[in-house]
């Protein structure tokens, strides 16, 4: 407020300085206009307030220049209040405070309620003789201010924002900022539209603590708070080609003047110099005329010999190399062709009788040698095995004459029954997989456990037959057969 008055006075003193007016007008426009203002110098200053009680206009103390409001309660509080026009959920309040004598008890000086029955305020703490700012909700948030003295003016500026879910209060005393109050988890609110803003001295504080208020201003723009950055709005941006006008040149001059007198200043001719470094190509005031550009391309093409006949494409060679290993089993029963079987029979006879010999059932055995070539990822396809048999018969010597028989040696004749030999692939049972776990438990107590560094131990004995988590890698399998022969 004082800054604006100073600028206005400067305009009246130096109207001849032509360049001063636009610069000062710009400076004035940077400070938002108040929605409420009183310096108590008006013809009827109390008419600024909608309700007045035990408050008078006095010349005993003042900031500018001669009058202020005096709050002197008797048995009732002294106060003024006013609904602030244009104030919704953001406010900046500026005023000056002066105590004749410091109160002996805590008391509020200024507060502003909200429509949700919350409040913000400035109070005096009698124990510490200091000012405090507060933001009241269900809890009470306080920012500690300076220790003050009686008989001195203090300028107080408060900025409050209750538009969001975090309510904030910033404040300063004599241009010294104090801690910001923040209350997260709030509900967006608006300032009281019924009673408005209050200056008050409680009725229970009598005989001391009378105070003066002067130069009150209220703003609905947070940019009025010192150091607050004003919101800037950008003009619309067009995506089309820009329309360029003649460029405008501007200069900022820092002028320092020696003592200002009330008379008309004598202004000499200033020496101005400019240095411009301009670089442009074919600049015209009208739109540029663009010729048709010449475009050229150079391609280097290389081709192989062209034949008139259709191309001869060779068959691609596709091969696979598989390393397959297994232990005598596959995950599924193998599909095998007839195995190569061989038999060796050893026949022994006891005592030749005149009758035809009785031969027992031969002992049959099998020995399989399987060999597979060209293993593929699919099950192997084996060729038909070759089967051979070799029989050796041994008989006692024969004579051409009639045999001379003595008592024949007694012997035993064994009838052997062989289990059926199947030329097809054997049927393999599914391997049995089992697990054996040895678990050890610690002592269990009924009380709360006392946890230290845990020690974990586990013992697992796992056994599996030919188990693979992935498809088996099959090599040359060795297959065998076991036959149980029972002789009678």
Protein backbone atom coordinates (compact mmCIF):
# COMPACT_ATOMS: atom_id res chain seq x y z
CA UNK A 1 0.00 0.00 0.00
CA UNK A 2 2.78 2.46 0.92
CA UNK A 3 4.59 1.59 -2.29
CA UNK A 4 1.56 2.49 -4.42
CA UNK A 5 1.16 5.82 -2.61
CA UNK A 6 4.83 6.58 -3.18
CA UNK A 7 4.47 5.89 -6.91
CA UNK A 8 1.37 8.12 -7.16
CA UNK A 9 3.22 10.93 -5.39
CA UNK A 10 6.14 10.52 -7.76
CA UNK A 11 3.81 10.89 -10.75
CA UNK A 12 2.48 14.18 -9.37
CA UNK A 13 5.99 15.52 -8.73
CA UNK A 14 7.49 14.73 -12.14
CA UNK A 15 4.73 14.84 -14.77
CA UNK A 16 7.22 16.17 -17.32
CA UNK A 17 9.16 12.91 -17.39
CA UNK A 18 7.33 11.22 -20.23
CA UNK A 19 8.89 7.81 -19.86
CA UNK A 20 8.07 7.54 -16.14
CA UNK A 21 4.31 7.17 -16.50
CA UNK A 22 4.15 3.87 -18.44
CA UNK A 23 6.88 2.29 -16.32
CA UNK A 24 5.16 3.28 -13.06
CA UNK A 25 1.79 2.14 -14.40
CA UNK A 26 3.29 -1.27 -15.06
CA UNK A 27 4.71 -1.43 -11.53
CA UNK A 28 1.34 -0.48 -10.04
CA UNK A 29 -0.49 -3.10 -12.13
CA UNK A 30 1.76 -5.84 -10.71
CA UNK A 31 0.08 -5.52 -7.26
CA UNK A 32 -3.51 -6.87 -7.23
CA UNK A 33 -6.21 -4.43 -6.18
CA UNK A 34 -7.71 -4.99 -2.71
CA UNK A 35 -11.36 -6.00 -2.37
CA UNK A 36 -11.49 -4.15 0.97
CA UNK A 37 -9.30 -1.30 2.23
CA UNK A 38 -9.32 1.30 5.00
CA UNK A 39 -6.62 3.56 6.42
CA UNK A 40 -9.11 5.06 8.92
CA UNK A 41 -8.64 8.45 7.25
CA UNK A 42 -12.05 8.31 5.54
CA UNK A 43 -14.80 10.80 6.45
CA UNK A 44 -16.69 8.01 8.21
CA UNK A 45 -14.17 5.16 8.72
CA UNK A 46 -16.47 3.05 10.89
CA UNK A 47 -18.92 2.81 7.99
CA UNK A 48 -16.44 0.45 6.37
CA UNK A 49 -17.59 -2.24 8.84
CA UNK A 50 -21.00 -3.89 8.97
CA UNK A 51 -20.91 -4.40 12.79
CA UNK A 52 -19.05 -2.20 15.32
CA UNK A 53 -19.03 -2.73 19.11
CA UNK A 54 -16.91 -0.82 21.67
CA UNK A 55 -14.56 0.39 18.91
CA UNK A 56 -13.78 4.08 18.34
CA UNK A 57 -11.72 6.20 15.97
CA UNK A 58 -8.78 7.88 17.69
CA UNK A 59 -5.82 10.11 16.94
CA UNK A 60 -3.83 8.85 19.95
CA UNK A 61 -1.90 6.43 17.70
CA UNK A 62 -1.74 6.06 13.93
CA UNK A 63 0.41 4.69 11.12
CA UNK A 64 -0.72 6.94 8.27
CA UNK A 65 -1.20 9.66 8.99
CA UNK A 66 -3.39 10.55 11.99
CA UNK A 67 -6.22 8.08 12.73
CA UNK A 68 -6.62 4.44 13.83
CA UNK A 69 -9.24 2.18 15.43
CA UNK A 70 -9.09 1.72 19.23
CA UNK A 71 -10.43 -1.49 20.85
CA UNK A 72 -11.32 -0.81 24.51
CA UNK A 73 -13.84 -3.30 25.97
CA UNK A 74 -15.66 -2.69 29.24
CA UNK A 75 -17.61 -5.69 30.43
CA UNK A 76 -18.16 -6.86 26.86
CA UNK A 77 -15.80 -7.56 23.99
CA UNK A 78 -14.81 -4.92 21.46
CA UNK A 79 -14.96 -5.92 17.78
CA UNK A 80 -15.62 -4.98 14.17
CA UNK A 81 -16.56 -7.44 11.41
CA UNK A 82 -17.28 -7.37 7.71
CA UNK A 83 -18.14 -9.90 4.96
CA UNK A 84 -15.37 -9.48 2.41
CA UNK A 85 -16.63 -9.08 -1.16
CA UNK A 86 -15.15 -11.41 -3.75
CA UNK A 87 -13.36 -13.62 -1.20
CA UNK A 88 -14.04 -17.32 -1.71
CA UNK A 89 -11.34 -19.82 -0.74
CA UNK A 90 -8.14 -17.73 -0.92
CA UNK A 91 -7.33 -14.53 0.99
CA UNK A 92 -4.44 -12.21 1.83
CA UNK A 93 -4.96 -9.82 4.78
CA UNK A 94 -2.66 -6.93 5.71
CA UNK A 95 -3.00 -4.72 8.85
CA UNK A 96 -0.99 -2.87 11.52
CA UNK A 97 -1.27 -3.70 15.25
CA UNK A 98 -0.24 -1.61 18.30
CA UNK A 99 -0.67 -2.51 22.00
CA UNK A 100 -0.87 0.22 24.65
CA UNK A 101 0.10 -2.42 27.21
CA UNK A 102 0.62 -6.13 26.81
CA UNK A 103 -2.30 -8.39 27.89
CA UNK A 104 -1.81 -10.53 30.99
CA UNK A 105 -3.84 -13.41 29.52
CA UNK A 106 -3.97 -15.08 26.10
CA UNK A 107 -6.33 -13.43 23.63
CA UNK A 108 -7.28 -13.40 19.94
CA UNK A 109 -6.71 -10.27 17.87
CA UNK A 110 -7.92 -11.27 14.39
CA UNK A 111 -9.74 -14.29 12.97
CA UNK A 112 -11.64 -15.34 9.87
CA UNK A 113 -14.13 -18.21 10.04
CA UNK A 114 -15.12 -20.52 7.18
CA UNK A 115 -18.50 -21.80 6.04
CA UNK A 116 -17.60 -25.21 7.51
CA UNK A 117 -17.17 -23.58 10.97
CA UNK A 118 -13.37 -23.74 10.89
CA UNK A 119 -11.19 -20.66 11.43
CA UNK A 120 -7.78 -19.02 11.03
CA UNK A 121 -6.46 -16.31 13.30
CA UNK A 122 -3.72 -14.24 15.00
CA UNK A 123 -3.41 -14.43 18.80
CA UNK A 124 -1.26 -13.06 21.60
CA UNK A 125 0.42 -15.58 23.95
CA UNK A 126 0.75 -13.93 27.36
CA UNK A 127 3.14 -16.54 28.77
CA UNK A 128 5.80 -15.99 26.10
CA UNK A 129 4.71 -12.43 25.16
CA UNK A 130 4.61 -13.33 21.48
CA UNK A 131 2.25 -13.41 18.52
CA UNK A 132 1.04 -16.73 17.11
CA UNK A 133 -0.85 -17.71 13.96
CA UNK A 134 -3.27 -20.61 14.09
CA UNK A 135 -5.32 -22.81 11.81
CA UNK A 136 -8.21 -24.46 13.60
CA UNK A 137 -9.96 -27.64 12.56
CA UNK A 138 -10.66 -30.65 14.71
CA UNK A 139 -7.09 -30.09 15.88
CA UNK A 140 -5.28 -26.81 16.59
CA UNK A 141 -2.26 -25.98 14.39
CA UNK A 142 0.04 -23.13 15.59
CA UNK A 143 2.95 -21.21 14.05
CA UNK A 144 5.07 -19.34 16.61
CA UNK A 145 5.79 -15.69 15.83
CA UNK A 146 7.94 -12.91 17.32
CA UNK A 147 8.11 -11.61 20.86
CA UNK A 148 6.53 -8.11 20.83
CA UNK A 149 6.58 -5.01 22.99
CA UNK A 150 3.96 -2.47 24.00
CA UNK A 151 3.99 0.96 22.38
CA UNK A 152 5.19 -0.25 18.94
CA UNK A 153 3.45 -0.76 15.59
CA UNK A 154 3.74 -4.16 13.86
CA UNK A 155 2.75 -4.88 10.26
CA UNK A 156 1.13 -8.33 9.92
CA UNK A 157 0.40 -10.05 6.59
CA UNK A 158 -1.48 -13.37 6.39
CA UNK A 159 -2.07 -15.60 3.34
CA UNK A 160 -4.58 -18.46 3.64
CA UNK A 161 -5.56 -21.04 1.02
CA UNK A 162 -8.40 -23.48 1.83
CA UNK A 163 -9.26 -24.40 -1.76
CA UNK A 164 -7.68 -27.88 -1.76
CA UNK A 165 -7.35 -30.92 0.43
CA UNK A 166 -4.35 -29.39 2.21
CA UNK A 167 -5.21 -26.07 3.92
CA UNK A 168 -2.23 -23.69 4.29
CA UNK A 169 -1.45 -20.50 6.23
CA UNK A 170 1.61 -18.31 5.58
CA UNK A 171 2.32 -15.15 7.55
CA UNK A 172 4.95 -12.54 8.27
CA UNK A 173 5.51 -9.75 10.82
CA UNK A 174 7.45 -6.68 9.72
CA UNK A 175 8.54 -8.47 6.54
CA UNK A 176 9.93 -11.47 8.47
CA UNK A 177 8.24 -14.75 7.45
CA UNK A 178 7.39 -17.41 10.04
CA UNK A 179 6.62 -21.12 9.72
CA UNK A 180 3.91 -22.20 7.29
CA UNK A 181 0.97 -24.15 8.72
CA UNK A 182 -0.26 -27.07 6.61
CA UNK A 183 -3.22 -29.32 7.38
CA UNK A 184 -3.38 -32.31 4.96
CA UNK A 185 -6.52 -34.38 4.62
CA UNK A 186 -8.79 -31.32 4.69
CA UNK A 187 -12.00 -30.77 2.76
CA UNK A 188 -12.05 -27.84 0.30
CA UNK A 189 -13.79 -24.94 2.05
CA UNK A 190 -14.82 -21.28 1.60
CA UNK A 191 -14.60 -18.28 3.91
CA UNK A 192 -17.57 -17.16 5.99
CA UNK A 193 -20.22 -15.42 3.90
CA UNK A 194 -22.45 -14.56 6.92
CA UNK A 195 -20.34 -12.71 9.52
CA UNK A 196 -17.05 -12.39 7.62
CA UNK A 197 -13.70 -11.28 9.07
CA UNK A 198 -13.22 -10.10 12.69
CA UNK A 199 -10.91 -7.86 14.71
CA UNK A 200 -11.73 -8.49 18.38
CA UNK A 201 -10.62 -7.89 21.97
CA UNK A 202 -12.33 -10.29 24.43
CA UNK A 203 -14.45 -8.87 27.25
CA UNK A 204 -12.56 -10.85 29.89
CA UNK A 205 -9.41 -8.80 29.15
CA UNK A 206 -10.00 -5.41 30.83
CA UNK A 207 -7.64 -2.75 32.17
CA UNK A 208 -4.76 -3.78 29.92
CA UNK A 209 -4.17 -5.08 26.43
CA UNK A 210 -6.04 -2.29 24.64
CA UNK A 211 -4.84 -2.21 21.03
CA UNK A 212 -5.04 -0.15 17.84
CA UNK A 213 -5.65 -1.33 14.25
CA UNK A 214 -4.69 0.73 11.19
CA UNK A 215 -4.24 0.37 7.41
CA UNK A 216 -6.31 -2.75 6.73
CA UNK A 217 -6.36 -4.29 3.25
CA UNK A 218 -7.93 -7.56 2.06
CA UNK A 219 -7.14 -9.28 -1.26
CA UNK A 220 -8.71 -12.29 -2.98
CA UNK A 221 -5.53 -12.88 -5.02
CA UNK A 222 -2.61 -14.77 -3.45
CA UNK A 223 -0.23 -12.73 -5.62
CA UNK A 224 -0.73 -9.87 -3.12
CA UNK A 225 1.40 -11.76 -0.61
CA UNK A 226 5.04 -10.58 -0.76
CA UNK A 227 7.17 -12.96 -2.75
CA UNK A 228 4.16 -14.74 -4.26
CA UNK A 229 4.58 -15.52 -7.95
CA UNK A 230 1.62 -14.32 -9.97
CA UNK A 231 -0.13 -16.69 -12.35
CA UNK A 232 0.80 -16.14 -15.99
CA UNK A 233 -1.50 -17.06 -18.85
CA UNK A 234 -0.18 -17.71 -22.35
CA UNK A 235 -1.98 -16.63 -25.48
CA UNK A 236 -3.34 -19.26 -27.81
CA UNK A 237 -0.76 -21.05 -29.95
CA UNK A 238 -1.65 -21.62 -33.60
CA UNK A 239 -0.24 -24.50 -35.57
CA UNK A 240 -0.35 -22.65 -38.88
CA UNK A 241 2.47 -20.70 -40.46
CA UNK A 242 3.21 -17.55 -38.43
CA UNK A 243 2.27 -14.14 -39.80
CA UNK A 244 5.32 -11.96 -39.26
CA UNK A 245 4.92 -8.23 -38.89
CA UNK A 246 7.64 -5.65 -38.63
CA UNK A 247 9.69 -6.49 -35.54
CA UNK A 248 9.19 -4.31 -32.49
CA UNK A 249 12.30 -3.13 -30.67
CA UNK A 250 12.21 -2.37 -26.96
CA UNK A 251 14.77 -1.11 -24.53
CA UNK A 252 15.03 -1.23 -20.77
CA UNK A 253 16.89 1.67 -19.21
CA UNK A 254 18.02 1.83 -15.62
CA UNK A 255 17.90 5.51 -14.73
CA UNK A 256 19.47 6.89 -11.60
CA UNK A 257 18.50 10.43 -10.64
CA UNK A 258 20.18 12.74 -8.18
CA UNK A 259 18.14 14.72 -5.70
CA UNK A 260 14.59 15.44 -6.82
CA UNK A 261 13.40 19.01 -6.35
CA UNK A 262 9.84 20.30 -6.33
CA UNK A 263 10.51 22.55 -9.32
CA UNK A 264 10.51 21.56 -12.93
CA UNK A 265 13.57 19.41 -13.63
CA UNK A 266 16.08 20.52 -16.22
CA UNK A 267 16.64 17.63 -18.53
CA UNK A 268 19.60 17.57 -20.85
CA UNK A 269 19.69 15.76 -24.11
CA UNK A 270 20.59 12.17 -23.30
CA UNK A 271 23.28 10.52 -25.35
CA UNK A 272 21.86 7.31 -26.68
CA UNK A 273 23.79 4.71 -28.55
CA UNK A 274 22.74 1.42 -29.96
CA UNK A 275 24.64 -1.49 -31.37
CA UNK A 276 22.60 -3.89 -33.43
CA UNK A 277 23.92 -7.10 -34.93
CA UNK A 278 21.39 -8.03 -37.58
CA UNK A 279 21.74 -11.04 -39.82
CA UNK A 280 19.06 -11.75 -42.40
CA UNK A 281 18.76 -13.31 -45.82
CA UNK A 282 16.43 -11.79 -48.42
CA UNK A 283 14.08 -10.01 -45.98
CA UNK A 284 10.96 -8.52 -47.54
CA UNK A 285 8.03 -6.80 -45.89
CA UNK A 286 5.62 -9.01 -47.82
CA UNK A 287 5.31 -12.76 -47.75
CA UNK A 288 8.37 -14.52 -49.25
CA UNK A 289 8.16 -15.81 -52.80
CA UNK A 290 9.46 -19.34 -52.97
CA UNK A 291 10.53 -20.84 -56.26
CA UNK A 292 10.06 -24.44 -57.25
CA UNK A 293 12.95 -26.46 -55.83
CA UNK A 294 14.88 -28.74 -58.12
CA UNK A 295 15.07 -32.27 -56.85
CA UNK A 296 17.47 -34.89 -58.09
CA UNK A 297 18.40 -38.37 -57.08
CA UNK A 298 21.37 -40.56 -57.92
CA UNK A 299 21.05 -44.29 -57.47
CA UNK A 300 23.84 -46.84 -57.88
CA UNK A 301 22.26 -50.10 -58.97
CA UNK A 302 24.15 -53.38 -59.39
CA UNK A 303 22.59 -56.51 -60.88
CA UNK A 304 23.67 -60.11 -61.30
CA UNK A 305 23.59 -61.85 -64.64
CA UNK A 306 20.10 -62.17 -66.03
CA UNK A 307 19.03 -65.47 -67.56
CA UNK A 308 16.01 -65.86 -69.79
CA UNK A 309 15.08 -69.21 -68.30
CA UNK A 310 13.47 -69.71 -64.93
CA UNK A 311 15.98 -69.78 -62.11
CA UNK A 312 17.23 -73.17 -60.94
CA UNK A 313 16.91 -73.34 -57.24
CA UNK A 314 18.78 -76.09 -55.44
CA UNK A 315 17.12 -78.05 -52.71
CA UNK A 316 18.14 -76.73 -49.32
CA UNK A 317 20.19 -79.02 -47.15
CA UNK A 318 18.63 -79.35 -43.74
CA UNK A 319 20.33 -81.28 -41.04
CA UNK A 320 20.05 -81.80 -37.35
CA UNK A 321 22.53 -82.95 -34.78
CA UNK A 322 21.06 -84.48 -31.67
CA UNK A 323 22.99 -85.68 -28.64
CA UNK A 324 20.65 -88.14 -26.97
CA UNK A 325 21.41 -90.09 -23.82
CA UNK A 326 19.23 -92.29 -21.67
CA UNK A 327 19.45 -95.13 -19.12
CA UNK A 328 17.55 -98.06 -20.52
CA UNK A 329 14.22 -96.32 -20.54
CA UNK A 330 12.08 -93.70 -22.19
CA UNK A 331 9.27 -91.68 -20.78
CA UNK A 332 6.86 -93.70 -22.94
CA UNK A 333 7.20 -97.33 -24.00
CA UNK A 334 9.56 -97.47 -27.01
CA UNK A 335 8.23 -98.70 -30.32
CA UNK A 336 10.70 -101.43 -31.29
CA UNK A 337 10.83 -103.75 -34.26
CA UNK A 338 11.50 -107.44 -33.84
CA UNK A 339 14.84 -107.92 -32.06
CA UNK A 340 17.69 -109.97 -33.43
CA UNK A 341 17.48 -113.27 -31.62
CA UNK A 342 20.07 -116.06 -31.43
CA UNK A 343 19.93 -119.37 -29.65
CA UNK A 344 22.63 -121.78 -28.56
CA UNK A 345 21.44 -125.20 -27.51
CA UNK A 346 23.63 -127.71 -25.70
CA UNK A 347 21.98 -131.16 -25.74
CA UNK A 348 23.29 -134.02 -23.65
CA UNK A 349 21.91 -137.58 -23.71
CA UNK A 350 22.45 -140.33 -21.16
CA UNK A 351 22.64 -143.88 -22.40
CA UNK A 352 21.37 -144.64 -25.89
CA UNK A 353 18.50 -146.95 -25.97
CA UNK A 354 17.33 -148.93 -28.91
CA UNK A 355 14.34 -146.80 -29.06
CA UNK A 356 14.37 -143.34 -30.41
CA UNK A 357 16.00 -140.91 -28.04
CA UNK A 358 13.78 -138.73 -25.92
CA UNK A 359 15.01 -135.16 -26.06
CA UNK A 360 14.03 -132.79 -23.38
CA UNK A 361 12.85 -129.30 -24.03
CA UNK A 362 15.76 -127.14 -25.02
CA UNK A 363 16.91 -124.26 -22.87
CA UNK A 364 16.25 -121.09 -24.76
CA UNK A 365 18.09 -117.87 -24.18
CA UNK A 366 18.20 -114.60 -25.95
CA UNK A 367 20.88 -112.01 -26.44
CA UNK A 368 19.84 -108.76 -28.05
CA UNK A 369 22.20 -106.24 -29.58
CA UNK A 370 20.30 -103.22 -30.80
CA UNK A 371 21.85 -100.47 -32.80
CA UNK A 372 20.07 -97.40 -34.13
CA UNK A 373 21.41 -94.91 -36.63
CA UNK A 374 20.24 -91.41 -37.39
CA UNK A 375 18.40 -90.54 -34.18
CA UNK A 376 15.79 -87.88 -34.67
CA UNK A 377 13.69 -85.92 -32.29
CA UNK A 378 10.83 -88.32 -33.00
CA UNK A 379 10.80 -91.86 -31.57
CA UNK A 380 13.50 -93.99 -33.27
CA UNK A 381 12.47 -96.25 -36.15
CA UNK A 382 14.46 -99.49 -36.05
CA UNK A 383 14.93 -101.93 -38.92
CA UNK A 384 13.78 -105.51 -38.68
CA UNK A 385 16.36 -107.55 -36.77
CA UNK A 386 18.02 -110.59 -38.23
CA UNK A 387 17.23 -113.83 -36.42
CA UNK A 388 19.70 -116.71 -36.35
CA UNK A 389 19.79 -120.00 -34.50
CA UNK A 390 22.64 -122.43 -33.97
CA UNK A 391 21.91 -125.95 -32.79
CA UNK A 392 24.66 -128.39 -31.68
CA UNK A 393 23.70 -131.98 -31.22
CA UNK A 394 26.17 -134.43 -29.56
CA UNK A 395 25.62 -138.16 -29.76
CA UNK A 396 27.67 -141.13 -28.62
CA UNK A 397 29.58 -143.11 -31.21
CA UNK A 398 27.64 -145.49 -33.44
CA UNK A 399 28.92 -148.82 -34.75
CA UNK A 400 27.84 -150.54 -37.89
CA UNK A 401 27.21 -153.73 -36.10
CA UNK A 402 24.42 -154.37 -33.80
CA UNK A 403 25.06 -152.75 -30.55
CA UNK A 404 26.00 -154.77 -27.58
CA UNK A 405 23.83 -153.64 -24.86
CA UNK A 406 24.48 -154.01 -21.22
CA UNK A 407 22.37 -152.70 -18.50
CA UNK A 408 21.51 -149.20 -19.53
CA UNK A 409 22.53 -146.32 -17.38
CA UNK A 410 19.62 -144.85 -15.66
CA UNK A 411 19.08 -141.27 -16.21
CA UNK A 412 16.52 -138.62 -15.74
CA UNK A 413 14.54 -136.90 -18.31
CA UNK A 414 13.73 -133.26 -17.66
CA UNK A 415 10.86 -131.52 -19.34
CA UNK A 416 11.65 -127.84 -19.41
CA UNK A 417 9.00 -125.23 -20.05
CA UNK A 418 10.20 -121.92 -21.33
CA UNK A 419 8.26 -118.73 -20.94
CA UNK A 420 7.00 -117.34 -24.15
CA UNK A 421 9.48 -115.38 -26.19
CA UNK A 422 7.91 -112.36 -27.84
CA UNK A 423 9.66 -110.74 -30.74
CA UNK A 424 7.88 -107.44 -30.12
CA UNK A 425 9.14 -104.67 -27.89
CA UNK A 426 8.94 -105.26 -24.14
CA UNK A 427 6.30 -103.42 -22.14
CA UNK A 428 7.90 -101.22 -19.54
CA UNK A 429 6.10 -100.18 -16.42
CA UNK A 430 6.03 -96.59 -15.33
CA UNK A 431 8.87 -95.81 -12.92
CA UNK A 432 7.93 -95.38 -9.32
CA UNK A 433 8.89 -92.05 -7.83
CA UNK A 434 8.96 -91.55 -4.14
CA UNK A 435 10.13 -88.97 -1.66
CA UNK A 436 11.16 -89.36 1.93
CA UNK A 437 11.36 -86.29 4.05
CA UNK A 438 12.99 -86.16 7.44
CA UNK A 439 11.50 -83.22 9.32
CA UNK A 440 12.72 -82.02 12.70
CA UNK A 441 10.57 -79.77 14.87
CA UNK A 442 11.70 -77.55 17.70
CA UNK A 443 10.13 -77.41 21.10
CA UNK A 444 6.70 -75.79 21.17
CA UNK A 445 5.88 -73.50 24.07
CA UNK A 446 2.58 -71.91 24.94
CA UNK A 447 4.07 -68.44 25.51
CA UNK A 448 4.83 -65.84 22.90
CA UNK A 449 7.73 -66.95 20.70
CA UNK A 450 11.11 -65.29 21.11
CA UNK A 451 12.47 -64.85 17.65
CA UNK A 452 16.19 -64.76 17.03
CA UNK A 453 18.06 -65.44 13.84
CA UNK A 454 16.18 -68.36 12.30
CA UNK A 455 18.09 -71.52 11.48
CA UNK A 456 16.54 -73.70 8.81
CA UNK A 457 17.48 -77.27 8.12
CA UNK A 458 15.94 -79.69 5.69
CA UNK A 459 16.69 -83.22 4.72
CA UNK A 460 15.09 -84.82 1.72
CA UNK A 461 15.85 -88.26 0.38
CA UNK A 462 14.48 -88.42 -3.13
CA UNK A 463 14.49 -91.45 -5.34
CA UNK A 464 13.22 -91.66 -8.86
CA UNK A 465 13.60 -94.04 -11.72
CA UNK A 466 14.71 -92.42 -14.92
CA UNK A 467 12.88 -89.14 -14.39
CA UNK A 468 13.58 -86.09 -16.54
CA UNK A 469 11.77 -82.80 -16.26
CA UNK A 470 12.25 -82.22 -19.97
CA UNK A 471 11.75 -84.56 -22.92
CA UNK A 472 14.33 -87.35 -22.62
CA UNK A 473 17.49 -87.19 -24.68
CA UNK A 474 17.71 -90.72 -26.15
CA UNK A 475 20.97 -92.26 -27.25
CA UNK A 476 21.61 -95.84 -28.26
CA UNK A 477 19.45 -97.71 -25.75
CA UNK A 478 20.62 -100.99 -24.29
CA UNK A 479 17.71 -103.34 -24.02
CA UNK A 480 17.74 -106.63 -22.19
CA UNK A 481 15.31 -109.38 -21.38
CA UNK A 482 15.17 -111.70 -18.45
CA UNK A 483 13.35 -115.04 -18.72
CA UNK A 484 12.48 -117.22 -15.76
CA UNK A 485 12.51 -120.88 -16.78
CA UNK A 486 10.93 -123.48 -14.56
CA UNK A 487 11.91 -127.11 -14.92
CA UNK A 488 9.77 -129.94 -13.79
